[in-house]
């Protein structure tokens, strides 16, 4: 009996440490992310502005039969959209695509103005192999996170408790997740003329 009590206490401590180590940001709701279904494959998209969702450029550009996109939320909501603007880059630049829909969308996810401090805990909300999932890790610096992804996660938002700082696009050979940094995402949005996206408040250190 004593041993069972000890095991239960240790389990509760472990669970508490897990949730303390990996905070869940209220800025990312499950219904704000969608599975993207195309004739040539699938990916993940998330609401970035009223009427607009963002996913990885390679998810959309590979499609040759029109630009219609089927979107499905974790709650089973089905939407129809059309991708209208895409950029593909394996170097400096954005691997990003914008999807427009006339359907009513949840509030946009908050974009950070720059990357967080190295080692900051993060997580990814996406649809690996079409199934909704969250994975956890930390920001490794540059364009890398230790939060894992799988096929179908391309386009997922990579976020901290503050907001989205990167969009997942591919997996490195060592298993880490690489993506398009938020500064490139903001540039892409501005060049496309998208308005209504949300940024984190100014920091007194932004201009330092």
N, C-alpha and C. Protein backbone atom coordinates (compact mmCIF):
# COMPACT_ATOMS: atom_id res chain seq x y z
N UNK A 1 0.83 -1.20 0.00
CA UNK A 1 0.00 0.00 0.00
C UNK A 1 0.86 1.26 0.00
N UNK A 2 1.91 1.24 0.87
CA UNK A 2 2.81 2.39 0.96
C UNK A 2 3.50 2.63 -0.38
N UNK A 3 3.90 1.54 -1.03
CA UNK A 3 4.58 1.65 -2.33
C UNK A 3 3.66 2.26 -3.38
N UNK A 4 2.37 1.88 -3.34
CA UNK A 4 1.43 2.43 -4.31
C UNK A 4 1.26 3.93 -4.12
N UNK A 5 1.23 4.38 -2.85
CA UNK A 5 1.08 5.81 -2.56
C UNK A 5 2.28 6.58 -3.07
N UNK A 6 3.48 6.04 -2.85
CA UNK A 6 4.71 6.68 -3.32
C UNK A 6 4.71 6.81 -4.83
N UNK A 7 4.32 5.75 -5.52
CA UNK A 7 4.28 5.76 -6.98
C UNK A 7 3.28 6.81 -7.48
N UNK A 8 2.11 6.89 -6.80
CA UNK A 8 1.09 7.87 -7.19
C UNK A 8 1.61 9.29 -7.02
N UNK A 9 2.27 9.58 -5.91
CA UNK A 9 2.82 10.92 -5.65
C UNK A 9 3.86 11.28 -6.69
N UNK A 10 4.76 10.33 -6.99
CA UNK A 10 5.80 10.59 -7.99
C UNK A 10 5.19 10.83 -9.36
N UNK A 11 4.12 10.11 -9.68
CA UNK A 11 3.46 10.30 -10.98
C UNK A 11 2.84 11.68 -11.08
N UNK A 12 2.20 12.14 -9.99
CA UNK A 12 1.59 13.47 -9.99
C UNK A 12 2.66 14.55 -10.12
N UNK A 13 3.80 14.36 -9.47
CA UNK A 13 4.90 15.32 -9.59
C UNK A 13 5.40 15.37 -11.02
N UNK A 14 5.54 14.21 -11.64
CA UNK A 14 6.02 14.15 -13.03
C UNK A 14 5.06 14.86 -13.97
N UNK A 15 3.75 14.63 -13.77
CA UNK A 15 2.75 15.29 -14.62
C UNK A 15 2.81 16.80 -14.43
N UNK A 16 2.94 17.23 -13.18
CA UNK A 16 3.03 18.66 -12.89
C UNK A 16 4.24 19.29 -13.54
N UNK A 17 5.36 18.61 -13.50
CA UNK A 17 6.59 19.13 -14.14
C UNK A 17 6.41 19.20 -15.64
N UNK A 18 5.71 18.22 -16.22
CA UNK A 18 5.50 18.22 -17.67
C UNK A 18 4.73 19.45 -18.10
N UNK A 19 3.63 19.75 -17.41
CA UNK A 19 2.82 20.89 -17.81
C UNK A 19 3.51 22.21 -17.49
N UNK A 20 4.35 22.22 -16.46
CA UNK A 20 5.08 23.44 -16.15
C UNK A 20 6.17 23.69 -17.18
N UNK A 21 6.78 22.61 -17.67
CA UNK A 21 7.87 22.74 -18.63
C UNK A 21 7.35 23.14 -20.00
N UNK A 22 6.15 22.64 -20.38
CA UNK A 22 5.61 22.91 -21.69
C UNK A 22 4.27 23.62 -21.57
N UNK A 23 4.30 24.95 -21.38
CA UNK A 23 3.05 25.69 -21.24
C UNK A 23 2.27 25.70 -22.55
N UNK A 24 0.96 25.68 -22.45
CA UNK A 24 0.10 25.74 -23.63
C UNK A 24 -0.39 27.17 -23.78
N UNK A 25 -0.07 27.80 -24.88
CA UNK A 25 -0.44 29.18 -25.08
C UNK A 25 -1.91 29.32 -25.44
N UNK A 26 -2.61 30.26 -24.82
CA UNK A 26 -4.02 30.48 -25.18
C UNK A 26 -4.18 31.11 -26.56
N UNK A 27 -3.07 31.57 -27.17
CA UNK A 27 -3.16 32.20 -28.48
C UNK A 27 -3.32 31.19 -29.60
N UNK A 28 -3.15 29.91 -29.31
CA UNK A 28 -3.33 28.89 -30.33
C UNK A 28 -4.44 27.95 -29.90
N UNK A 29 -5.58 28.08 -30.52
CA UNK A 29 -6.70 27.19 -30.27
C UNK A 29 -6.71 26.13 -31.36
N UNK A 30 -7.14 24.91 -31.00
CA UNK A 30 -7.14 23.82 -31.96
C UNK A 30 -7.98 24.16 -33.20
N UNK A 31 -9.07 24.91 -33.02
CA UNK A 31 -9.95 25.20 -34.15
C UNK A 31 -9.35 26.23 -35.09
N UNK A 32 -8.23 26.85 -34.72
CA UNK A 32 -7.57 27.82 -35.59
C UNK A 32 -6.60 27.16 -36.55
N UNK A 33 -6.43 25.84 -36.43
CA UNK A 33 -5.58 25.10 -37.35
C UNK A 33 -6.43 24.12 -38.15
N UNK A 34 -6.03 23.91 -39.39
CA UNK A 34 -6.81 23.06 -40.30
C UNK A 34 -5.90 22.10 -41.04
N UNK A 35 -6.40 20.94 -41.31
CA UNK A 35 -5.73 20.00 -42.21
C UNK A 35 -6.03 20.43 -43.64
N UNK A 36 -5.01 20.47 -44.48
CA UNK A 36 -5.14 20.88 -45.88
C UNK A 36 -5.14 19.63 -46.76
N UNK A 37 -6.19 19.49 -47.56
CA UNK A 37 -6.30 18.32 -48.44
C UNK A 37 -6.26 18.77 -49.90
N UNK A 38 -5.29 18.22 -50.63
CA UNK A 38 -5.11 18.52 -52.04
C UNK A 38 -5.01 17.21 -52.82
N UNK A 39 -5.24 17.26 -54.13
CA UNK A 39 -5.13 16.03 -54.92
C UNK A 39 -3.74 15.39 -54.84
N UNK A 40 -2.71 16.22 -54.59
CA UNK A 40 -1.33 15.70 -54.60
C UNK A 40 -0.78 15.47 -53.21
N UNK A 41 -1.55 15.72 -52.17
CA UNK A 41 -1.03 15.50 -50.83
C UNK A 41 -1.80 16.31 -49.80
N UNK A 42 -1.16 16.49 -48.64
CA UNK A 42 -1.82 17.21 -47.57
C UNK A 42 -0.80 17.96 -46.72
N UNK A 43 -1.30 18.89 -45.91
CA UNK A 43 -0.45 19.68 -45.04
C UNK A 43 -1.30 20.26 -43.92
N UNK A 44 -0.78 21.31 -43.31
CA UNK A 44 -1.48 21.99 -42.22
C UNK A 44 -1.53 23.48 -42.51
N UNK A 45 -2.66 24.10 -42.21
CA UNK A 45 -2.81 25.55 -42.37
C UNK A 45 -3.35 26.14 -41.08
N UNK A 46 -3.15 27.42 -40.87
CA UNK A 46 -3.63 28.10 -39.67
C UNK A 46 -4.07 29.51 -40.02
N UNK A 47 -5.01 30.02 -39.25
CA UNK A 47 -5.58 31.34 -39.52
C UNK A 47 -4.55 32.42 -39.20
N UNK A 48 -4.26 33.25 -40.20
CA UNK A 48 -3.25 34.30 -40.01
C UNK A 48 -3.86 35.70 -40.06
N UNK A 49 -5.02 35.83 -40.69
CA UNK A 49 -5.74 37.12 -40.79
C UNK A 49 -7.18 36.81 -41.18
N UNK A 50 -8.09 37.76 -40.99
CA UNK A 50 -9.48 37.52 -41.38
C UNK A 50 -9.58 37.10 -42.85
N UNK A 51 -10.15 35.93 -43.10
CA UNK A 51 -10.29 35.44 -44.47
C UNK A 51 -9.07 34.74 -45.02
N UNK A 52 -7.99 34.68 -44.25
CA UNK A 52 -6.73 34.13 -44.76
C UNK A 52 -6.15 33.07 -43.84
N UNK A 53 -5.62 32.00 -44.46
CA UNK A 53 -4.87 30.98 -43.75
C UNK A 53 -3.51 30.86 -44.40
N UNK A 54 -2.54 30.37 -43.65
CA UNK A 54 -1.19 30.20 -44.17
C UNK A 54 -0.76 28.74 -44.05
N UNK A 55 -0.04 28.27 -45.06
CA UNK A 55 0.56 26.95 -45.04
C UNK A 55 1.91 27.04 -45.76
N UNK A 56 2.58 25.93 -45.91
CA UNK A 56 3.88 25.93 -46.59
C UNK A 56 3.69 26.06 -48.10
N UNK A 57 4.61 26.75 -48.75
CA UNK A 57 4.52 26.96 -50.19
C UNK A 57 4.54 25.66 -50.97
N UNK A 58 5.39 24.70 -50.53
CA UNK A 58 5.50 23.46 -51.31
C UNK A 58 4.24 22.61 -51.23
N UNK A 59 3.39 22.85 -50.23
CA UNK A 59 2.12 22.13 -50.14
C UNK A 59 1.21 22.53 -51.30
N UNK A 60 1.21 23.81 -51.66
CA UNK A 60 0.31 24.32 -52.70
C UNK A 60 0.91 24.27 -54.10
N UNK A 61 2.19 24.60 -54.21
CA UNK A 61 2.80 24.73 -55.53
C UNK A 61 2.82 23.40 -56.28
N UNK A 62 2.86 22.29 -55.54
CA UNK A 62 2.88 20.98 -56.20
C UNK A 62 1.57 20.65 -56.90
N UNK A 63 0.51 21.37 -56.55
CA UNK A 63 -0.79 21.10 -57.15
C UNK A 63 -0.86 21.67 -58.56
N UNK A 64 -1.31 20.87 -59.50
CA UNK A 64 -1.40 21.30 -60.90
C UNK A 64 -2.84 21.39 -61.39
N UNK A 65 -3.79 20.87 -60.61
CA UNK A 65 -5.19 20.85 -61.04
C UNK A 65 -5.98 21.92 -60.30
N UNK A 66 -5.83 23.19 -60.76
CA UNK A 66 -6.54 24.29 -60.13
C UNK A 66 -5.94 24.69 -58.80
N UNK A 67 -6.64 25.58 -58.10
CA UNK A 67 -6.11 26.08 -56.83
C UNK A 67 -7.08 25.89 -55.67
N UNK A 68 -8.07 25.03 -55.85
CA UNK A 68 -9.01 24.79 -54.76
C UNK A 68 -8.38 23.96 -53.67
N UNK A 69 -8.70 24.29 -52.41
CA UNK A 69 -8.16 23.61 -51.24
C UNK A 69 -9.32 23.23 -50.32
N UNK A 70 -9.30 22.00 -49.82
CA UNK A 70 -10.27 21.55 -48.82
C UNK A 70 -9.60 21.62 -47.45
N UNK A 71 -10.27 22.27 -46.50
CA UNK A 71 -9.73 22.45 -45.16
C UNK A 71 -10.63 21.76 -44.15
N UNK A 72 -10.03 21.07 -43.19
CA UNK A 72 -10.80 20.36 -42.17
C UNK A 72 -10.23 20.67 -40.80
N UNK A 73 -11.08 21.13 -39.86
CA UNK A 73 -10.62 21.46 -38.51
C UNK A 73 -10.63 20.22 -37.63
N UNK A 74 -10.04 20.36 -36.44
CA UNK A 74 -10.00 19.23 -35.51
C UNK A 74 -11.40 18.85 -35.05
N UNK A 75 -12.35 19.79 -35.13
CA UNK A 75 -13.73 19.52 -34.73
C UNK A 75 -14.55 18.93 -35.88
N UNK A 76 -13.92 18.75 -37.04
CA UNK A 76 -14.61 18.17 -38.18
C UNK A 76 -15.25 19.18 -39.11
N UNK A 77 -15.02 20.45 -38.89
CA UNK A 77 -15.58 21.49 -39.76
C UNK A 77 -14.85 21.48 -41.11
N UNK A 78 -15.62 21.49 -42.19
CA UNK A 78 -15.06 21.45 -43.54
C UNK A 78 -15.24 22.81 -44.22
N UNK A 79 -14.15 23.35 -44.76
CA UNK A 79 -14.19 24.62 -45.48
C UNK A 79 -13.58 24.44 -46.87
N UNK A 80 -13.96 25.32 -47.77
CA UNK A 80 -13.36 25.35 -49.10
C UNK A 80 -12.62 26.67 -49.26
N UNK A 81 -11.39 26.61 -49.73
CA UNK A 81 -10.60 27.81 -49.96
C UNK A 81 -9.86 27.70 -51.27
N UNK A 82 -9.13 28.75 -51.60
CA UNK A 82 -8.30 28.77 -52.81
C UNK A 82 -6.95 29.40 -52.48
N UNK A 83 -5.89 28.71 -52.85
CA UNK A 83 -4.59 29.33 -52.61
C UNK A 83 -4.30 30.33 -53.73
N UNK A 84 -3.87 31.53 -53.33
CA UNK A 84 -3.74 32.64 -54.28
C UNK A 84 -2.33 33.19 -54.39
N UNK A 85 -1.50 32.93 -53.39
CA UNK A 85 -0.16 33.49 -53.39
C UNK A 85 0.78 32.50 -52.75
N UNK A 86 1.90 32.19 -53.43
CA UNK A 86 2.83 31.21 -52.87
C UNK A 86 4.26 31.60 -53.19
N UNK A 87 5.14 31.21 -52.32
CA UNK A 87 6.58 31.45 -52.50
C UNK A 87 7.31 30.20 -52.04
N UNK A 88 8.30 29.78 -52.80
CA UNK A 88 9.05 28.58 -52.47
C UNK A 88 10.52 28.90 -52.44
N UNK A 89 11.17 28.62 -51.32
CA UNK A 89 12.57 28.93 -51.17
C UNK A 89 13.23 27.91 -50.26
N UNK A 90 14.40 27.39 -50.66
CA UNK A 90 15.16 26.49 -49.79
C UNK A 90 16.36 27.23 -49.20
N UNK A 91 16.35 28.55 -49.33
CA UNK A 91 17.39 29.39 -48.73
C UNK A 91 16.72 30.56 -48.06
N UNK A 92 17.37 31.73 -48.06
CA UNK A 92 16.71 32.92 -47.49
C UNK A 92 15.41 33.21 -48.23
N UNK A 93 14.36 33.44 -47.51
CA UNK A 93 13.06 33.66 -48.11
C UNK A 93 12.02 32.84 -47.41
N UNK A 94 10.85 32.76 -48.00
CA UNK A 94 9.73 32.08 -47.35
C UNK A 94 9.28 30.87 -48.16
N UNK A 95 9.06 29.77 -47.47
CA UNK A 95 8.35 28.63 -48.05
C UNK A 95 6.93 28.78 -47.50
N UNK A 96 6.11 29.55 -48.20
CA UNK A 96 4.81 29.93 -47.65
C UNK A 96 3.75 30.04 -48.74
N UNK A 97 2.50 29.85 -48.33
CA UNK A 97 1.37 29.96 -49.25
C UNK A 97 0.18 30.54 -48.50
N UNK A 98 -0.56 31.40 -49.15
CA UNK A 98 -1.76 32.00 -48.57
C UNK A 98 -3.00 31.39 -49.19
N UNK A 99 -3.94 31.01 -48.33
CA UNK A 99 -5.20 30.42 -48.75
C UNK A 99 -6.32 31.38 -48.35
N UNK A 100 -7.17 31.73 -49.31
CA UNK A 100 -8.29 32.62 -49.02
C UNK A 100 -9.59 31.83 -48.98
N UNK A 101 -10.44 32.19 -48.02
CA UNK A 101 -11.77 31.58 -47.94
C UNK A 101 -12.79 32.63 -47.55
N UNK A 102 -14.00 32.47 -48.04
CA UNK A 102 -15.11 33.36 -47.68
C UNK A 102 -15.79 32.91 -46.39
N UNK A 103 -15.44 31.72 -45.91
CA UNK A 103 -16.05 31.18 -44.70
C UNK A 103 -15.59 31.96 -43.47
N UNK A 104 -16.43 31.96 -42.45
CA UNK A 104 -16.06 32.61 -41.19
C UNK A 104 -14.98 31.79 -40.50
N UNK A 105 -13.94 32.47 -40.04
CA UNK A 105 -12.80 31.80 -39.42
C UNK A 105 -12.64 32.21 -37.96
N UNK A 106 -11.98 31.38 -37.16
CA UNK A 106 -11.64 31.76 -35.79
C UNK A 106 -10.66 32.94 -35.83
N UNK A 107 -10.41 33.59 -34.70
CA UNK A 107 -9.45 34.70 -34.67
C UNK A 107 -8.06 34.26 -35.13
N UNK A 108 -7.32 35.16 -35.77
CA UNK A 108 -5.97 34.82 -36.24
C UNK A 108 -5.03 34.50 -35.07
N UNK A 109 -4.06 33.65 -35.34
CA UNK A 109 -3.01 33.40 -34.36
C UNK A 109 -2.11 34.63 -34.27
N UNK A 110 -1.53 34.83 -33.11
CA UNK A 110 -0.66 35.98 -32.88
C UNK A 110 0.75 35.67 -33.39
N UNK A 111 1.32 36.60 -34.15
CA UNK A 111 2.68 36.45 -34.65
C UNK A 111 3.66 37.19 -33.75
N UNK A 112 4.75 36.53 -33.38
CA UNK A 112 5.82 37.22 -32.68
C UNK A 112 6.54 38.13 -33.67
N UNK A 113 7.19 39.15 -33.15
CA UNK A 113 7.91 40.08 -34.03
C UNK A 113 9.29 39.56 -34.41
N UNK A 114 9.79 38.60 -33.64
CA UNK A 114 11.10 38.01 -33.91
C UNK A 114 11.18 36.69 -33.16
N UNK A 115 12.25 35.95 -33.36
CA UNK A 115 12.41 34.65 -32.72
C UNK A 115 12.58 34.82 -31.21
N UNK A 116 12.19 33.81 -30.44
CA UNK A 116 12.38 33.86 -28.99
C UNK A 116 13.83 33.58 -28.61
N UNK A 117 14.12 33.62 -27.34
CA UNK A 117 15.46 33.28 -26.87
C UNK A 117 15.71 31.79 -27.10
N UNK A 118 16.94 31.45 -27.45
CA UNK A 118 17.30 30.05 -27.66
C UNK A 118 17.02 29.25 -26.40
N UNK A 119 16.41 28.09 -26.55
CA UNK A 119 16.07 27.26 -25.42
C UNK A 119 14.65 27.46 -24.91
N UNK A 120 13.93 28.44 -25.47
CA UNK A 120 12.54 28.67 -25.07
C UNK A 120 11.68 27.46 -25.46
N UNK A 121 10.84 27.01 -24.54
CA UNK A 121 9.96 25.88 -24.83
C UNK A 121 8.94 26.26 -25.89
N UNK A 122 8.70 25.35 -26.81
CA UNK A 122 7.75 25.61 -27.88
C UNK A 122 6.89 24.39 -28.15
N UNK A 123 5.97 24.52 -29.07
CA UNK A 123 5.14 23.39 -29.48
C UNK A 123 4.62 23.64 -30.88
N UNK A 124 4.17 22.55 -31.50
CA UNK A 124 3.65 22.60 -32.86
C UNK A 124 2.25 22.00 -32.87
N UNK A 125 1.32 22.71 -33.48
CA UNK A 125 -0.05 22.20 -33.66
C UNK A 125 -0.22 21.88 -35.13
N UNK A 126 -0.44 20.62 -35.45
CA UNK A 126 -0.55 20.27 -36.85
C UNK A 126 -1.34 18.99 -37.08
N UNK A 127 -1.25 18.49 -38.31
CA UNK A 127 -2.00 17.31 -38.72
C UNK A 127 -1.06 16.27 -39.36
N UNK A 128 -0.15 15.69 -38.56
CA UNK A 128 0.71 14.66 -39.14
C UNK A 128 -0.11 13.49 -39.64
N UNK A 129 0.07 13.17 -40.92
CA UNK A 129 -0.67 12.09 -41.58
C UNK A 129 -2.19 12.28 -41.46
N UNK A 130 -2.60 13.56 -41.38
CA UNK A 130 -4.02 13.88 -41.36
C UNK A 130 -4.68 13.84 -40.00
N UNK A 131 -3.94 13.47 -38.95
CA UNK A 131 -4.52 13.38 -37.61
C UNK A 131 -4.05 14.55 -36.75
N UNK A 132 -4.99 15.22 -36.08
CA UNK A 132 -4.64 16.38 -35.26
C UNK A 132 -3.72 15.98 -34.11
N UNK A 133 -2.66 16.78 -33.88
CA UNK A 133 -1.71 16.45 -32.82
C UNK A 133 -0.93 17.69 -32.40
N UNK A 134 -0.43 17.65 -31.16
CA UNK A 134 0.50 18.65 -30.65
C UNK A 134 1.80 17.95 -30.28
N UNK A 135 2.93 18.56 -30.61
CA UNK A 135 4.22 18.04 -30.18
C UNK A 135 4.97 19.16 -29.47
N UNK A 136 5.89 18.77 -28.59
CA UNK A 136 6.56 19.74 -27.73
C UNK A 136 8.08 19.63 -27.84
N UNK A 137 8.75 20.76 -27.63
CA UNK A 137 10.21 20.78 -27.66
C UNK A 137 10.71 22.15 -27.26
N UNK A 138 11.75 22.61 -27.92
CA UNK A 138 12.28 23.94 -27.63
C UNK A 138 12.93 24.54 -28.86
N UNK A 139 13.07 25.86 -28.84
CA UNK A 139 13.71 26.58 -29.94
C UNK A 139 15.22 26.35 -29.88
N UNK A 140 15.79 25.89 -30.98
CA UNK A 140 17.21 25.55 -31.03
C UNK A 140 18.08 26.65 -31.60
N UNK A 141 17.45 27.72 -32.06
CA UNK A 141 18.20 28.79 -32.71
C UNK A 141 18.07 28.69 -34.23
N UNK A 142 18.33 29.79 -34.92
CA UNK A 142 18.22 29.80 -36.37
C UNK A 142 16.79 29.52 -36.81
N UNK A 143 16.64 28.49 -37.64
CA UNK A 143 15.30 28.12 -38.11
C UNK A 143 14.94 26.72 -37.64
N UNK A 144 15.36 26.35 -36.42
CA UNK A 144 15.17 24.98 -35.95
C UNK A 144 14.44 24.89 -34.62
N UNK A 145 13.67 23.82 -34.49
CA UNK A 145 12.98 23.47 -33.24
C UNK A 145 13.15 21.98 -33.00
N UNK A 146 13.17 21.59 -31.73
CA UNK A 146 13.25 20.16 -31.41
C UNK A 146 11.86 19.52 -31.38
N UNK A 147 10.79 20.31 -31.47
CA UNK A 147 9.44 19.74 -31.56
C UNK A 147 9.32 18.96 -32.86
N UNK A 148 8.99 17.68 -32.81
CA UNK A 148 8.99 16.86 -34.03
C UNK A 148 7.77 17.06 -34.92
N UNK A 149 7.94 16.79 -36.19
CA UNK A 149 6.83 16.79 -37.14
C UNK A 149 6.91 15.52 -37.99
N UNK A 150 5.84 15.26 -38.73
CA UNK A 150 5.77 14.14 -39.65
C UNK A 150 5.11 14.62 -40.93
N UNK A 151 5.13 13.80 -41.99
CA UNK A 151 4.40 14.19 -43.21
C UNK A 151 2.97 14.58 -42.90
N UNK A 152 2.53 15.71 -43.45
CA UNK A 152 1.22 16.26 -43.14
C UNK A 152 1.30 17.44 -42.20
N UNK A 153 2.49 17.60 -41.55
CA UNK A 153 2.69 18.72 -40.63
C UNK A 153 3.23 19.96 -41.33
N UNK A 154 3.62 19.84 -42.59
CA UNK A 154 4.16 20.99 -43.30
C UNK A 154 3.17 22.14 -43.28
N UNK A 155 3.64 23.32 -42.86
CA UNK A 155 2.77 24.48 -42.75
C UNK A 155 2.31 24.75 -41.33
N UNK A 156 2.62 23.86 -40.40
CA UNK A 156 2.18 24.02 -39.02
C UNK A 156 2.81 25.24 -38.36
N UNK A 157 2.07 25.88 -37.48
CA UNK A 157 2.60 26.98 -36.69
C UNK A 157 3.49 26.42 -35.57
N UNK A 158 4.68 27.01 -35.42
CA UNK A 158 5.58 26.67 -34.32
C UNK A 158 5.51 27.85 -33.36
N UNK A 159 5.10 27.60 -32.12
CA UNK A 159 4.79 28.70 -31.21
C UNK A 159 5.36 28.50 -29.81
N UNK A 160 5.52 29.61 -29.12
CA UNK A 160 5.83 29.62 -27.70
C UNK A 160 4.56 30.10 -26.98
N UNK A 161 4.67 30.34 -25.68
CA UNK A 161 3.53 30.87 -24.95
C UNK A 161 3.17 32.27 -25.41
N UNK A 162 4.08 32.93 -26.14
CA UNK A 162 3.84 34.30 -26.60
C UNK A 162 3.14 34.35 -27.94
N UNK A 163 3.47 33.44 -28.84
CA UNK A 163 2.86 33.45 -30.16
C UNK A 163 3.67 32.64 -31.16
N UNK A 164 3.32 32.74 -32.43
CA UNK A 164 3.97 31.98 -33.51
C UNK A 164 5.29 32.66 -33.89
N UNK A 165 6.36 31.88 -33.91
CA UNK A 165 7.66 32.45 -34.31
C UNK A 165 8.24 31.78 -35.56
N UNK A 166 7.59 30.74 -36.05
CA UNK A 166 8.10 30.02 -37.21
C UNK A 166 6.99 29.16 -37.79
N UNK A 167 7.12 28.81 -39.07
CA UNK A 167 6.20 27.86 -39.68
C UNK A 167 7.00 26.64 -40.12
N UNK A 168 6.60 25.46 -39.67
CA UNK A 168 7.33 24.24 -39.98
C UNK A 168 7.22 23.90 -41.46
N UNK A 169 8.36 23.56 -42.08
CA UNK A 169 8.35 23.23 -43.51
C UNK A 169 9.00 21.89 -43.84
N UNK A 170 10.01 21.48 -43.08
CA UNK A 170 10.65 20.20 -43.38
C UNK A 170 11.43 19.69 -42.17
N UNK A 171 11.96 18.48 -42.31
CA UNK A 171 12.71 17.82 -41.24
C UNK A 171 14.17 17.70 -41.65
N UNK A 172 15.08 18.10 -40.76
CA UNK A 172 16.51 17.91 -41.01
C UNK A 172 16.89 16.45 -40.80
N UNK A 173 18.07 16.08 -41.27
CA UNK A 173 18.53 14.70 -41.15
C UNK A 173 18.65 14.24 -39.70
N UNK A 174 18.88 15.18 -38.79
CA UNK A 174 19.01 14.81 -37.38
C UNK A 174 17.67 14.75 -36.66
N UNK A 175 16.57 14.93 -37.42
CA UNK A 175 15.24 14.82 -36.84
C UNK A 175 14.66 16.12 -36.32
N UNK A 176 15.44 17.20 -36.33
CA UNK A 176 14.90 18.48 -35.87
C UNK A 176 14.01 19.09 -36.95
N UNK A 177 13.12 19.96 -36.51
CA UNK A 177 12.19 20.62 -37.42
C UNK A 177 12.75 21.95 -37.90
N UNK A 178 12.68 22.18 -39.19
CA UNK A 178 13.13 23.45 -39.78
C UNK A 178 11.92 24.16 -40.37
N UNK A 179 12.05 25.48 -40.51
CA UNK A 179 10.91 26.20 -41.05
C UNK A 179 11.24 27.61 -41.49
N UNK A 180 10.21 28.35 -41.85
CA UNK A 180 10.32 29.74 -42.27
C UNK A 180 10.15 30.64 -41.04
N UNK A 181 11.13 31.48 -40.72
CA UNK A 181 11.03 32.33 -39.53
C UNK A 181 9.95 33.40 -39.68
N UNK A 182 9.48 33.90 -38.55
CA UNK A 182 8.36 34.83 -38.55
C UNK A 182 8.67 36.13 -39.30
N UNK A 183 9.92 36.56 -39.30
CA UNK A 183 10.26 37.79 -40.03
C UNK A 183 9.99 37.63 -41.52
N UNK A 184 10.26 36.43 -42.06
CA UNK A 184 9.97 36.18 -43.47
C UNK A 184 8.47 36.02 -43.70
N UNK A 185 7.77 35.47 -42.74
CA UNK A 185 6.31 35.35 -42.87
C UNK A 185 5.66 36.72 -42.92
N UNK A 186 6.13 37.63 -42.07
CA UNK A 186 5.58 39.00 -42.05
C UNK A 186 5.88 39.70 -43.37
N UNK A 187 7.11 39.53 -43.88
CA UNK A 187 7.46 40.13 -45.18
C UNK A 187 6.55 39.59 -46.28
N UNK A 188 6.32 38.28 -46.26
CA UNK A 188 5.47 37.63 -47.25
C UNK A 188 4.04 38.18 -47.19
N UNK A 189 3.52 38.34 -45.98
CA UNK A 189 2.17 38.89 -45.81
C UNK A 189 2.08 40.32 -46.32
N UNK A 190 3.08 41.13 -46.00
CA UNK A 190 3.08 42.52 -46.45
C UNK A 190 3.16 42.62 -47.97
N UNK A 191 4.02 41.80 -48.58
CA UNK A 191 4.16 41.82 -50.03
C UNK A 191 2.87 41.38 -50.73
N UNK A 192 2.12 40.50 -50.07
CA UNK A 192 0.87 40.01 -50.65
C UNK A 192 -0.29 40.96 -50.37
N UNK A 193 -0.06 42.00 -49.56
CA UNK A 193 -1.09 42.97 -49.27
C UNK A 193 -2.13 42.50 -48.26
N UNK A 194 -1.76 41.50 -47.45
CA UNK A 194 -2.69 41.00 -46.44
C UNK A 194 -2.71 41.95 -45.25
N UNK A 195 -3.90 42.29 -44.81
CA UNK A 195 -4.05 43.17 -43.64
C UNK A 195 -4.83 42.43 -42.57
N UNK A 196 -4.70 42.88 -41.33
CA UNK A 196 -5.46 42.30 -40.25
C UNK A 196 -4.74 41.23 -39.46
N UNK A 197 -3.47 40.95 -39.79
CA UNK A 197 -2.75 39.98 -38.97
C UNK A 197 -2.33 40.63 -37.65
N UNK A 198 -2.12 39.81 -36.63
CA UNK A 198 -1.89 40.31 -35.28
C UNK A 198 -0.45 40.05 -34.85
N UNK A 199 0.20 41.09 -34.34
CA UNK A 199 1.57 40.97 -33.83
C UNK A 199 1.59 41.11 -32.32
N UNK A 200 2.59 40.54 -31.68
CA UNK A 200 2.78 40.73 -30.25
C UNK A 200 3.09 42.20 -29.98
N UNK A 201 2.82 42.69 -28.77
CA UNK A 201 3.12 44.09 -28.45
C UNK A 201 4.58 44.41 -28.64
N UNK A 202 4.86 45.70 -28.86
CA UNK A 202 6.25 46.14 -28.98
C UNK A 202 7.01 45.81 -27.72
N UNK A 203 8.28 45.43 -27.89
CA UNK A 203 9.15 45.18 -26.75
C UNK A 203 10.14 46.34 -26.62
N UNK A 204 10.49 46.74 -25.41
CA UNK A 204 11.46 47.83 -25.24
C UNK A 204 12.84 47.45 -25.78
N UNK A 205 13.04 46.14 -26.08
CA UNK A 205 14.33 45.69 -26.56
C UNK A 205 14.36 45.52 -28.09
N UNK A 206 13.20 45.76 -28.75
CA UNK A 206 13.13 45.53 -30.19
C UNK A 206 14.14 46.36 -30.96
N UNK A 207 14.38 47.56 -30.53
CA UNK A 207 15.28 48.45 -31.28
C UNK A 207 16.70 48.44 -30.72
N UNK A 208 16.97 47.57 -29.77
CA UNK A 208 18.29 47.54 -29.14
C UNK A 208 19.30 46.94 -30.09
